[in-house]
Amino acid sequence: VQLVESGGALVQPGGSLRLACTVSASNFDIYTMGWYRQAPGEQREWVSTITRGGHTDYSSSVKGRFTIFRDNAWNAIYLQMNSLKPDDTAVYYCTMNSNYWGKGTLVTVSS
């Protein structure tokens, strides 16, 4: 199983970014997928989850600004991030069922 994140970049406060995670695994569509992030000097924290049925959950810090969605035809999930804040600066990790993890993609929100 391999997860590869992409889309991280430097963006100004208030801007938007879309992260992608592609997964090499069979039966991708049956797994709960999620995003976590780790800011410098901080512990890794949960951001969002999407179940096999499409149910989504978000941490209070991103709810209303971030949207998670999946494309089972492409074995991929995405995280649309709007109204970005400097506090969103972190390495973002994709996870499959909290058992498999990608190496992360860096998002920096700064003017």
PDB file of N, CA and C in Angstrom:
ATOM      1  N   VAL A   1       0.849  -1.194   0.000  1.00  0.00           N
ATOM      2  CA  VAL A   1       0.000   0.000   0.000  1.00  0.00           C
ATOM      3  C   VAL A   1       0.882   1.240   0.000  1.00  0.00           C
ATOM      4  N   GLN A   2       0.558   2.173  -0.865  1.00  0.00           N
ATOM      5  CA  GLN A   2       1.324   3.416  -0.934  1.00  0.00           C
ATOM      6  C   GLN A   2       0.369   4.592  -1.060  1.00  0.00           C
ATOM      7  N   LEU A   3       0.623   5.620  -0.248  1.00  0.00           N
ATOM      8  CA  LEU A   3      -0.154   6.840  -0.296  1.00  0.00           C
ATOM      9  C   LEU A   3       0.794   7.984  -0.634  1.00  0.00           C
ATOM     10  N   VAL A   4       0.407   8.813  -1.594  1.00  0.00           N
ATOM     11  CA  VAL A   4       1.260   9.920  -2.018  1.00  0.00           C
ATOM     12  C   VAL A   4       0.439  11.205  -2.025  1.00  0.00           C
ATOM     13  N   GLU A   5       0.856  12.141  -1.185  1.00  0.00           N
ATOM     14  CA  GLU A   5       0.190  13.438  -1.119  1.00  0.00           C
ATOM     15  C   GLU A   5       0.837  14.411  -2.096  1.00  0.00           C
ATOM     16  N   SER A   6       0.055  15.376  -2.540  1.00  0.00           N
ATOM     17  CA  SER A   6       0.570  16.436  -3.402  1.00  0.00           C
ATOM     18  C   SER A   6      -0.285  17.669  -3.233  1.00  0.00           C
ATOM     19  N   GLY A   7       0.228  18.793  -3.723  1.00  0.00           N
ATOM     20  CA  GLY A   7      -0.548  20.018  -3.707  1.00  0.00           C
ATOM     21  C   GLY A   7      -0.115  21.045  -2.685  1.00  0.00           C
ATOM     22  N   GLY A   8       0.782  20.671  -1.786  1.00  0.00           N
ATOM     23  CA  GLY A   8       1.240  21.627  -0.808  1.00  0.00           C
ATOM     24  C   GLY A   8       2.013  22.773  -1.454  1.00  0.00           C
ATOM     25  N   ALA A   9       1.892  23.964  -0.854  1.00  0.00           N
ATOM     26  CA  ALA A   9       2.540  25.140  -1.424  1.00  0.00           C
ATOM     27  C   ALA A   9       2.545  26.266  -0.414  1.00  0.00           C
ATOM     28  N   LEU A  10       3.172  27.347  -0.793  1.00  0.00           N
ATOM     29  CA  LEU A  10       3.127  28.594  -0.038  1.00  0.00           C
ATOM     30  C   LEU A  10       1.934  29.398  -0.551  1.00  0.00           C
ATOM     31  N   VAL A  11       1.068  29.829   0.365  1.00  0.00           N
ATOM     32  CA  VAL A  11      -0.124  30.581  -0.018  1.00  0.00           C
ATOM     33  C   VAL A  11      -0.341  31.707   0.974  1.00  0.00           C
ATOM     34  N   GLN A  12      -0.926  32.790   0.505  1.00  0.00           N
ATOM     35  CA  GLN A  12      -1.170  33.930   1.376  1.00  0.00           C
ATOM     36  C   GLN A  12      -2.397  33.691   2.250  1.00  0.00           C
ATOM     37  N   PRO A  13      -2.454  34.321   3.404  1.00  0.00           N
ATOM     38  CA  PRO A  13      -3.656  34.218   4.251  1.00  0.00           C
ATOM     39  C   PRO A  13      -4.897  34.607   3.460  1.00  0.00           C
ATOM     40  N   GLY A  14      -5.957  33.835   3.664  1.00  0.00           N
ATOM     41  CA  GLY A  14      -7.187  34.049   2.921  1.00  0.00           C
ATOM     42  C   GLY A  14      -7.261  33.295   1.615  1.00  0.00           C
ATOM     43  N   GLY A  15      -6.164  32.704   1.224  1.00  0.00           N
ATOM     44  CA  GLY A  15      -6.113  31.981  -0.035  1.00  0.00           C
ATOM     45  C   GLY A  15      -6.656  30.562   0.066  1.00  0.00           C
ATOM     46  N   SER A  16      -6.598  29.869  -1.065  1.00  0.00           N
ATOM     47  CA  SER A  16      -7.125  28.507  -1.151  1.00  0.00           C
ATOM     48  C   SER A  16      -6.068  27.571  -1.714  1.00  0.00           C
ATOM     49  N   LEU A  17      -6.254  26.296  -1.384  1.00  0.00           N
ATOM     50  CA  LEU A  17      -5.337  25.270  -1.859  1.00  0.00           C
ATOM     51  C   LEU A  17      -6.098  23.951  -1.874  1.00  0.00           C
ATOM     52  N   ARG A  18      -5.774  23.094  -2.832  1.00  0.00           N
ATOM     53  CA  ARG A  18      -6.364  21.766  -2.854  1.00  0.00           C
ATOM     54  C   ARG A  18      -5.264  20.722  -2.767  1.00  0.00           C
ATOM     55  N   LEU A  19      -5.338  19.890  -1.764  1.00  0.00           N
ATOM     56  CA  LEU A  19      -4.408  18.776  -1.613  1.00  0.00           C
ATOM     57  C   LEU A  19      -5.015  17.524  -2.220  1.00  0.00           C
ATOM     58  N   ALA A  20      -4.145  16.664  -2.717  1.00  0.00           N
ATOM     59  CA  ALA A  20      -4.579  15.386  -3.270  1.00  0.00           C
ATOM     60  C   ALA A  20      -3.776  14.254  -2.636  1.00  0.00           C
ATOM     61  N   CYS A  21      -4.401  13.111  -2.562  1.00  0.00           N
ATOM     62  CA  CYS A  21      -3.730  11.909  -2.067  1.00  0.00           C
ATOM     63  C   CYS A  21      -4.137  10.749  -2.957  1.00  0.00           C
ATOM     64  N   THR A  22      -3.167  10.165  -3.623  1.00  0.00           N
ATOM     65  CA  THR A  22      -3.447   9.011  -4.465  1.00  0.00           C
ATOM     66  C   THR A  22      -2.973   7.759  -3.748  1.00  0.00           C
ATOM     67  N   VAL A  23      -3.746   6.706  -3.901  1.00  0.00           N
ATOM     68  CA  VAL A  23      -3.525   5.491  -3.133  1.00  0.00           C
ATOM     69  C   VAL A  23      -3.372   4.297  -4.059  1.00  0.00           C
ATOM     70  N   SER A  24      -2.305   3.574  -3.842  1.00  0.00           N
ATOM     71  CA  SER A  24      -2.133   2.319  -4.574  1.00  0.00           C
ATOM     72  C   SER A  24      -2.528   1.187  -3.645  1.00  0.00           C
ATOM     73  N   ALA A  25      -3.752   0.735  -3.787  1.00  0.00           N
ATOM     74  CA  ALA A  25      -4.278  -0.327  -2.935  1.00  0.00           C
ATOM     75  C   ALA A  25      -5.532  -0.874  -3.590  1.00  0.00           C
ATOM     76  N   SER A  26      -5.753  -2.128  -3.373  1.00  0.00           N
ATOM     77  CA  SER A  26      -6.980  -2.717  -3.882  1.00  0.00           C
ATOM     78  C   SER A  26      -8.126  -2.397  -2.932  1.00  0.00           C
ATOM     79  N   ASN A  27      -9.326  -2.416  -3.458  1.00  0.00           N
ATOM     80  CA  ASN A  27     -10.522  -2.157  -2.652  1.00  0.00           C
ATOM     81  C   ASN A  27     -10.455  -0.820  -1.926  1.00  0.00           C
ATOM     82  N   PHE A  28      -9.900   0.169  -2.583  1.00  0.00           N
ATOM     83  CA  PHE A  28      -9.779   1.508  -1.984  1.00  0.00           C
ATOM     84  C   PHE A  28     -11.122   1.998  -1.478  1.00  0.00           C
ATOM     85  N   ASP A  29     -12.182   1.686  -2.227  1.00  0.00           N
ATOM     86  CA  ASP A  29     -13.477   2.285  -1.932  1.00  0.00           C
ATOM     87  C   ASP A  29     -14.086   1.818  -0.616  1.00  0.00           C
ATOM     88  N   ILE A  30     -13.537   0.778   0.002  1.00  0.00           N
ATOM     89  CA  ILE A  30     -14.139   0.296   1.248  1.00  0.00           C
ATOM     90  C   ILE A  30     -13.516   0.930   2.487  1.00  0.00           C
ATOM     91  N   TYR A  31     -12.478   1.700   2.280  1.00  0.00           N
ATOM     92  CA  TYR A  31     -11.734   2.229   3.425  1.00  0.00           C
ATOM     93  C   TYR A  31     -12.134   3.648   3.800  1.00  0.00           C
ATOM     94  N   THR A  32     -12.097   3.881   5.103  1.00  0.00           N
ATOM     95  CA  THR A  32     -12.193   5.244   5.601  1.00  0.00           C
ATOM     96  C   THR A  32     -10.860   5.930   5.364  1.00  0.00           C
ATOM     97  N   MET A  33     -10.941   7.125   4.832  1.00  0.00           N
ATOM     98  CA  MET A  33      -9.730   7.894   4.531  1.00  0.00           C
ATOM     99  C   MET A  33      -9.727   9.182   5.346  1.00  0.00           C
ATOM    100  N   GLY A  34      -8.544   9.716   5.575  1.00  0.00           N
ATOM    101  CA  GLY A  34      -8.493  10.922   6.372  1.00  0.00           C
ATOM    102  C   GLY A  34      -7.258  11.772   6.117  1.00  0.00           C
ATOM    103  N   TRP A  35      -7.328  12.971   6.664  1.00  0.00           N
ATOM    104  CA  TRP A  35      -6.207  13.905   6.638  1.00  0.00           C
ATOM    105  C   TRP A  35      -5.843  14.279   8.079  1.00  0.00           C
ATOM    106  N   TYR A  36      -4.555  14.322   8.341  1.00  0.00           N
ATOM    107  CA  TYR A  36      -4.004  14.834   9.587  1.00  0.00           C
ATOM    108  C   TYR A  36      -2.987  15.907   9.213  1.00  0.00           C
ATOM    109  N   ARG A  37      -2.586  16.663  10.212  1.00  0.00           N
ATOM    110  CA  ARG A  37      -1.533  17.649   9.975  1.00  0.00           C
ATOM    111  C   ARG A  37      -0.651  17.776  11.197  1.00  0.00           C
ATOM    112  N   GLN A  38       0.570  18.225  10.959  1.00  0.00           N
ATOM    113  CA  GLN A  38       1.517  18.433  12.048  1.00  0.00           C
ATOM    114  C   GLN A  38       2.246  19.744  11.822  1.00  0.00           C
ATOM    115  N   ALA A  39       1.994  20.679  12.720  1.00  0.00           N
ATOM    116  CA  ALA A  39       2.665  21.968  12.659  1.00  0.00           C
ATOM    117  C   ALA A  39       4.037  21.860  13.314  1.00  0.00           C
ATOM    118  N   PRO A  40       4.947  22.767  12.985  1.00  0.00           N
ATOM    119  CA  PRO A  40       6.285  22.722  13.586  1.00  0.00           C
ATOM    120  C   PRO A  40       6.215  22.745  15.111  1.00  0.00           C
ATOM    121  N   GLY A  41       6.873  21.794  15.740  1.00  0.00           N
ATOM    122  CA  GLY A  41       6.912  21.749  17.188  1.00  0.00           C
ATOM    123  C   GLY A  41       5.650  21.243  17.857  1.00  0.00           C
ATOM    124  N   GLU A  42       4.685  20.790  17.051  1.00  0.00           N
ATOM    125  CA  GLU A  42       3.423  20.332  17.599  1.00  0.00           C
ATOM    126  C   GLU A  42       3.213  18.850  17.304  1.00  0.00           C
ATOM    127  N   GLN A  43       2.227  18.282  18.001  1.00  0.00           N
ATOM    128  CA  GLN A  43       1.874  16.896  17.721  1.00  0.00           C
ATOM    129  C   GLN A  43       0.967  16.830  16.487  1.00  0.00           C
ATOM    130  N   ARG A  44       0.941  15.663  15.875  1.00  0.00           N
ATOM    131  CA  ARG A  44       0.071  15.465  14.735  1.00  0.00           C
ATOM    132  C   ARG A  44      -1.384  15.532  15.195  1.00  0.00           C
ATOM    133  N   GLU A  45      -2.224  16.231  14.454  1.00  0.00           N
ATOM    134  CA  GLU A  45      -3.620  16.365  14.827  1.00  0.00           C
ATOM    135  C   GLU A  45      -4.528  15.967  13.670  1.00  0.00           C
ATOM    136  N   TRP A  46      -5.670  15.449  14.032  1.00  0.00           N
ATOM    137  CA  TRP A  46      -6.674  15.037  13.049  1.00  0.00           C
ATOM    138  C   TRP A  46      -7.310  16.273  12.420  1.00  0.00           C
ATOM    139  N   VAL A  47      -7.559  16.192  11.100  1.00  0.00           N
ATOM    140  CA  VAL A  47      -8.181  17.292  10.379  1.00  0.00           C
ATOM    141  C   VAL A  47      -9.568  16.901   9.876  1.00  0.00           C
ATOM    142  N   SER A  48      -9.626  15.766   9.169  1.00  0.00           N
ATOM    143  CA  SER A  48     -10.888  15.405   8.537  1.00  0.00           C
ATOM    144  C   SER A  48     -10.897  13.934   8.162  1.00  0.00           C
ATOM    145  N   THR A  49     -12.106  13.382   8.053  1.00  0.00           N
ATOM    146  CA  THR A  49     -12.294  11.976   7.696  1.00  0.00           C
ATOM    147  C   THR A  49     -13.447  11.844   6.719  1.00  0.00           C
ATOM    148  N   ILE A  50     -13.329  10.880   5.816  1.00  0.00           N
ATOM    149  CA  ILE A  50     -14.439  10.537   4.937  1.00  0.00           C
ATOM    150  C   ILE A  50     -14.575   9.016   4.915  1.00  0.00           C
ATOM    151  N   THR A  51     -15.775   8.539   5.163  1.00  0.00           N
ATOM    152  CA  THR A  51     -16.007   7.095   5.213  1.00  0.00           C
ATOM    153  C   THR A  51     -16.273   6.530   3.820  1.00  0.00           C
ATOM    154  N   ARG A  52     -16.406   5.226   3.751  1.00  0.00           N
ATOM    155  CA  ARG A  52     -16.695   4.573   2.473  1.00  0.00           C
ATOM    156  C   ARG A  52     -18.030   5.043   1.922  1.00  0.00           C
ATOM    157  N   GLY A  53     -18.920   5.434   2.812  1.00  0.00           N
ATOM    158  CA  GLY A  53     -20.231   5.889   2.374  1.00  0.00           C
ATOM    159  C   GLY A  53     -20.303   7.374   2.075  1.00  0.00           C
ATOM    160  N   GLY A  54     -19.172   8.054   2.270  1.00  0.00           N
ATOM    161  CA  GLY A  54     -19.135   9.475   1.968  1.00  0.00           C
ATOM    162  C   GLY A  54     -19.448  10.390   3.133  1.00  0.00           C
ATOM    163  N   HIS A  55     -19.622   9.800   4.326  1.00  0.00           N
ATOM    164  CA  HIS A  55     -19.849  10.644   5.494  1.00  0.00           C
ATOM    165  C   HIS A  55     -18.555  11.363   5.864  1.00  0.00           C
ATOM    166  N   THR A  56     -18.666  12.640   6.155  1.00  0.00           N
ATOM    167  CA  THR A  56     -17.484  13.447   6.457  1.00  0.00           C
ATOM    168  C   THR A  56     -17.536  14.032   7.858  1.00  0.00           C
ATOM    169  N   ASP A  57     -16.364  14.207   8.426  1.00  0.00           N
ATOM    170  CA  ASP A  57     -16.211  14.862   9.726  1.00  0.00           C
ATOM    171  C   ASP A  57     -15.015  15.798   9.651  1.00  0.00           C
ATOM    172  N   TYR A  58     -15.078  16.856  10.467  1.00  0.00           N
ATOM    173  CA  TYR A  58     -14.015  17.849  10.464  1.00  0.00           C
ATOM    174  C   TYR A  58     -13.686  18.273  11.889  1.00  0.00           C
ATOM    175  N   SER A  59     -12.427  18.635  12.104  1.00  0.00           N
ATOM    176  CA  SER A  59     -12.073  19.223  13.383  1.00  0.00           C
ATOM    177  C   SER A  59     -12.693  20.613  13.457  1.00  0.00           C
ATOM    178  N   SER A  60     -12.880  21.066  14.664  1.00  0.00           N
ATOM    179  CA  SER A  60     -13.526  22.364  14.843  1.00  0.00           C
ATOM    180  C   SER A  60     -12.702  23.499  14.240  1.00  0.00           C
ATOM    181  N   SER A  61     -11.394  23.286  14.163  1.00  0.00           N
ATOM    182  CA  SER A  61     -10.518  24.349  13.670  1.00  0.00           C
ATOM    183  C   SER A  61     -10.615  24.555  12.153  1.00  0.00           C
ATOM    184  N   VAL A  62     -11.146  23.560  11.436  1.00  0.00           N
ATOM    185  CA  VAL A  62     -11.219  23.691   9.974  1.00  0.00           C
ATOM    186  C   VAL A  62     -12.644  23.621   9.451  1.00  0.00           C
ATOM    187  N   LYS A  63     -13.589  23.272  10.291  1.00  0.00           N
ATOM    188  CA  LYS A  63     -14.971  23.107   9.845  1.00  0.00           C
ATOM    189  C   LYS A  63     -15.488  24.401   9.229  1.00  0.00           C
ATOM    190  N   GLY A  64     -16.110  24.272   8.065  1.00  0.00           N
ATOM    191  CA  GLY A  64     -16.628  25.438   7.369  1.00  0.00           C
ATOM    192  C   GLY A  64     -15.631  26.044   6.394  1.00  0.00           C
ATOM    193  N   ARG A  65     -14.373  25.647   6.499  1.00  0.00           N
ATOM    194  CA  ARG A  65     -13.341  26.175   5.597  1.00  0.00           C
ATOM    195  C   ARG A  65     -12.757  25.078   4.699  1.00  0.00           C
ATOM    196  N   PHE A  66     -12.678  23.863   5.232  1.00  0.00           N
ATOM    197  CA  PHE A  66     -12.087  22.747   4.495  1.00  0.00           C
ATOM    198  C   PHE A  66     -13.181  21.781   4.057  1.00  0.00           C
ATOM    199  N   THR A  67     -12.959  21.139   2.914  1.00  0.00           N
ATOM    200  CA  THR A  67     -13.876  20.119   2.423  1.00  0.00           C
ATOM    201  C   THR A  67     -13.081  18.910   1.963  1.00  0.00           C
ATOM    202  N   ILE A  68     -13.450  17.748   2.473  1.00  0.00           N
ATOM    203  CA  ILE A  68     -12.817  16.500   2.046  1.00  0.00           C
ATOM    204  C   ILE A  68     -13.741  15.793   1.070  1.00  0.00           C
ATOM    205  N   PHE A  69     -13.179  15.211   0.032  1.00  0.00           N
ATOM    206  CA  PHE A  69     -13.982  14.397  -0.877  1.00  0.00           C
ATOM    207  C   PHE A  69     -13.093  13.337  -1.512  1.00  0.00           C
ATOM    208  N   ARG A  70     -13.757  12.339  -2.080  1.00  0.00           N
ATOM    209  CA  ARG A  70     -13.014  11.217  -2.632  1.00  0.00           C
ATOM    210  C   ARG A  70     -13.497  10.900  -4.040  1.00  0.00           C
ATOM    211  N   ASP A  71     -12.599  10.312  -4.799  1.00  0.00           N
ATOM    212  CA  ASP A  71     -12.930   9.843  -6.142  1.00  0.00           C
ATOM    213  C   ASP A  71     -12.476   8.392  -6.215  1.00  0.00           C
ATOM    214  N   ASN A  72     -13.408   7.489  -6.008  1.00  0.00           N
ATOM    215  CA  ASN A  72     -13.050   6.074  -5.957  1.00  0.00           C
ATOM    216  C   ASN A  72     -12.568   5.543  -7.310  1.00  0.00           C
ATOM    217  N   ALA A  73     -12.974   6.187  -8.378  1.00  0.00           N
ATOM    218  CA  ALA A  73     -12.531   5.739  -9.699  1.00  0.00           C
ATOM    219  C   ALA A  73     -11.030   5.968  -9.891  1.00  0.00           C
ATOM    220  N   TRP A  74     -10.507   6.953  -9.168  1.00  0.00           N
ATOM    221  CA  TRP A  74      -9.090   7.293  -9.293  1.00  0.00           C
ATOM    222  C   TRP A  74      -8.299   6.942  -8.045  1.00  0.00           C
ATOM    223  N   ASN A  75      -8.928   6.230  -7.104  1.00  0.00           N
ATOM    224  CA  ASN A  75      -8.251   5.885  -5.840  1.00  0.00           C
ATOM    225  C   ASN A  75      -7.616   7.127  -5.199  1.00  0.00           C
ATOM    226  N   ALA A  76      -8.416   8.150  -5.042  1.00  0.00           N
ATOM    227  CA  ALA A  76      -7.862   9.399  -4.538  1.00  0.00           C
ATOM    228  C   ALA A  76      -8.816  10.095  -3.583  1.00  0.00           C
ATOM    229  N   ILE A  77      -8.234  10.840  -2.674  1.00  0.00           N
ATOM    230  CA  ILE A  77      -9.008  11.765  -1.861  1.00  0.00           C
ATOM    231  C   ILE A  77      -8.397  13.148  -1.998  1.00  0.00           C
ATOM    232  N   TYR A  78      -9.190  14.132  -1.639  1.00  0.00           N
ATOM    233  CA  TYR A  78      -8.757  15.511  -1.781  1.00  0.00           C
ATOM    234  C   TYR A  78      -9.150  16.300  -0.535  1.00  0.00           C
ATOM    235  N   LEU A  79      -8.456  17.400  -0.336  1.00  0.00           N
ATOM    236  CA  LEU A  79      -8.813  18.318   0.733  1.00  0.00           C
ATOM    237  C   LEU A  79      -8.794  19.721   0.142  1.00  0.00           C
ATOM    238  N   GLN A  80      -9.985  20.277  -0.026  1.00  0.00           N
ATOM    239  CA  GLN A  80     -10.104  21.648  -0.498  1.00  0.00           C
ATOM    240  C   GLN A  80     -10.036  22.567   0.714  1.00  0.00           C
ATOM    241  N   MET A  81      -9.064  23.450   0.712  1.00  0.00           N
ATOM    242  CA  MET A  81      -8.837  24.320   1.854  1.00  0.00           C
ATOM    243  C   MET A  81      -9.045  25.765   1.431  1.00  0.00           C
ATOM    244  N   ASN A  82     -10.014  26.412   2.048  1.00  0.00           N
ATOM    245  CA  ASN A  82     -10.322  27.811   1.751  1.00  0.00           C
ATOM    246  C   ASN A  82     -10.089  28.679   2.986  1.00  0.00           C
ATOM    247  N   SER A  83     -10.032  29.967   2.756  1.00  0.00           N
ATOM    248  CA  SER A  83      -9.844  30.934   3.856  1.00  0.00           C
ATOM    249  C   SER A  83      -8.688  30.510   4.764  1.00  0.00           C
ATOM    250  N   LEU A  84      -7.586  30.203   4.161  1.00  0.00           N
ATOM    251  CA  LEU A  84      -6.443  29.693   4.913  1.00  0.00           C
ATOM    252  C   LEU A  84      -5.884  30.734   5.862  1.00  0.00           C
ATOM    253  N   LYS A  85      -5.417  30.249   7.006  1.00  0.00           N
ATOM    254  CA  LYS A  85      -4.856  31.090   8.055  1.00  0.00           C
ATOM    255  C   LYS A  85      -3.412  30.659   8.324  1.00  0.00           C
ATOM    256  N   PRO A  86      -2.611  31.530   8.895  1.00  0.00           N
ATOM    257  CA  PRO A  86      -1.244  31.128   9.251  1.00  0.00           C
ATOM    258  C   PRO A  86      -1.210  29.893  10.157  1.00  0.00           C
ATOM    259  N   ASP A  87      -2.229  29.736  11.013  1.00  0.00           N
ATOM    260  CA  ASP A  87      -2.290  28.569  11.900  1.00  0.00           C
ATOM    261  C   ASP A  87      -2.505  27.256  11.147  1.00  0.00           C
ATOM    262  N   ASP A  88      -2.856  27.345   9.867  1.00  0.00           N
ATOM    263  CA  ASP A  88      -3.011  26.132   9.061  1.00  0.00           C
ATOM    264  C   ASP A  88      -1.678  25.623   8.532  1.00  0.00           C
ATOM    265  N   THR A  89      -0.624  26.374   8.753  1.00  0.00           N
ATOM    266  CA  THR A  89       0.699  25.953   8.314  1.00  0.00           C
ATOM    267  C   THR A  89       1.091  24.641   8.986  1.00  0.00           C
ATOM    268  N   ALA A  90       1.397  23.637   8.162  1.00  0.00           N
ATOM    269  CA  ALA A  90       1.716  22.312   8.692  1.00  0.00           C
ATOM    270  C   ALA A  90       2.071  21.383   7.540  1.00  0.00           C
ATOM    271  N   VAL A  91       2.619  20.242   7.907  1.00  0.00           N
ATOM    272  CA  VAL A  91       2.726  19.135   6.953  1.00  0.00           C
ATOM    273  C   VAL A  91       1.423  18.353   7.040  1.00  0.00           C
ATOM    274  N   TYR A  92       0.793  18.141   5.911  1.00  0.00           N
ATOM    275  CA  TYR A  92      -0.493  17.444   5.845  1.00  0.00           C
ATOM    276  C   TYR A  92      -0.271  16.009   5.376  1.00  0.00           C
ATOM    277  N   TYR A  93      -0.855  15.083   6.146  1.00  0.00           N
ATOM    278  CA  TYR A  93      -0.689  13.661   5.870  1.00  0.00           C
ATOM    279  C   TYR A  93      -2.033  13.025   5.517  1.00  0.00           C
ATOM    280  N   CYS A  94      -1.965  12.127   4.579  1.00  0.00           N
ATOM    281  CA  CYS A  94      -3.125  11.335   4.186  1.00  0.00           C
ATOM    282  C   CYS A  94      -3.009   9.971   4.873  1.00  0.00           C
ATOM    283  N   THR A  95      -4.128   9.436   5.311  1.00  0.00           N
ATOM    284  CA  THR A  95      -4.115   8.132   5.939  1.00  0.00           C
ATOM    285  C   THR A  95      -5.269   7.275   5.456  1.00  0.00           C
ATOM    286  N   MET A  96      -5.013   5.993   5.359  1.00  0.00           N
ATOM    287  CA  MET A  96      -6.041   5.032   5.004  1.00  0.00           C
ATOM    288  C   MET A  96      -6.318   4.181   6.225  1.00  0.00           C
ATOM    289  N   ASN A  97      -7.517   4.355   6.769  1.00  0.00           N
ATOM    290  CA  ASN A  97      -7.941   3.571   7.921  1.00  0.00           C
ATOM    291  C   ASN A  97      -7.043   3.748   9.134  1.00  0.00           C
ATOM    292  N   SER A  98      -6.280   4.810   9.158  1.00  0.00           N
ATOM    293  CA  SER A  98      -5.322   5.106  10.223  1.00  0.00           C
ATOM    294  C   SER A  98      -4.255   4.025  10.352  1.00  0.00           C
ATOM    295  N   ASN A  99      -4.164   3.177   9.334  1.00  0.00           N
ATOM    296  CA  ASN A  99      -3.144   2.131   9.352  1.00  0.00           C
ATOM    297  C   ASN A  99      -1.984   2.433   8.414  1.00  0.00           C
ATOM    298  N   TYR A 100      -2.283   3.114   7.332  1.00  0.00           N
ATOM    299  CA  TYR A 100      -1.274   3.443   6.341  1.00  0.00           C
ATOM    300  C   TYR A 100      -1.209   4.958   6.184  1.00  0.00           C
ATOM    301  N   TRP A 101       0.021   5.441   5.982  1.00  0.00           N
ATOM    302  CA  TRP A 101       0.235   6.881   5.942  1.00  0.00           C
ATOM    303  C   TRP A 101       1.115   7.272   4.770  1.00  0.00           C
ATOM    304  N   GLY A 102       0.864   8.459   4.242  1.00  0.00           N
ATOM    305  CA  GLY A 102       1.764   9.027   3.262  1.00  0.00           C
ATOM    306  C   GLY A 102       2.901   9.752   3.965  1.00  0.00           C
ATOM    307  N   LYS A 103       3.788  10.347   3.146  1.00  0.00           N
ATOM    308  CA  LYS A 103       4.942  11.052   3.701  1.00  0.00           C
ATOM    309  C   LYS A 103       4.665  12.519   3.947  1.00  0.00           C
ATOM    310  N   GLY A 104       3.532  12.999   3.484  1.00  0.00           N
ATOM    311  CA  GLY A 104       3.127  14.354   3.778  1.00  0.00           C
ATOM    312  C   GLY A 104       3.465  15.364   2.701  1.00  0.00           C
ATOM    313  N   THR A 105       2.731  16.472   2.746  1.00  0.00           N
ATOM    314  CA  THR A 105       2.975  17.597   1.845  1.00  0.00           C
ATOM    315  C   THR A 105       2.878  18.879   2.666  1.00  0.00           C
ATOM    316  N   LEU A 106       3.810  19.798   2.438  1.00  0.00           N
ATOM    317  CA  LEU A 106       3.924  20.994   3.270  1.00  0.00           C
ATOM    318  C   LEU A 106       3.032  22.118   2.760  1.00  0.00           C
ATOM    319  N   VAL A 107       2.228  22.650   3.671  1.00  0.00           N
ATOM    320  CA  VAL A 107       1.410  23.832   3.394  1.00  0.00           C
ATOM    321  C   VAL A 107       1.911  24.965   4.275  1.00  0.00           C
ATOM    322  N   THR A 108       2.253  26.065   3.663  1.00  0.00           N
ATOM    323  CA  THR A 108       2.717  27.238   4.392  1.00  0.00           C
ATOM    324  C   THR A 108       1.805  28.408   4.064  1.00  0.00           C
ATOM    325  N   VAL A 109       1.208  28.967   5.098  1.00  0.00           N
ATOM    326  CA  VAL A 109       0.311  30.113   4.917  1.00  0.00           C
ATOM    327  C   VAL A 109       1.012  31.332   5.504  1.00  0.00           C
ATOM    328  N   SER A 110       1.414  32.227   4.640  1.00  0.00           N
ATOM    329  CA  SER A 110       2.192  33.376   5.082  1.00  0.00           C
ATOM    330  C   SER A 110       2.133  34.466   4.033  1.00  0.00           C
ATOM    331  N   SER A 111       2.199  35.694   4.509  1.00  0.00           N
ATOM    332  CA  SER A 111       2.249  36.829   3.596  1.00  0.00           C
ATOM    333  C   SER A 111       3.696  37.236   3.324  1.00  0.00           C
TER     334      SER A 111
END
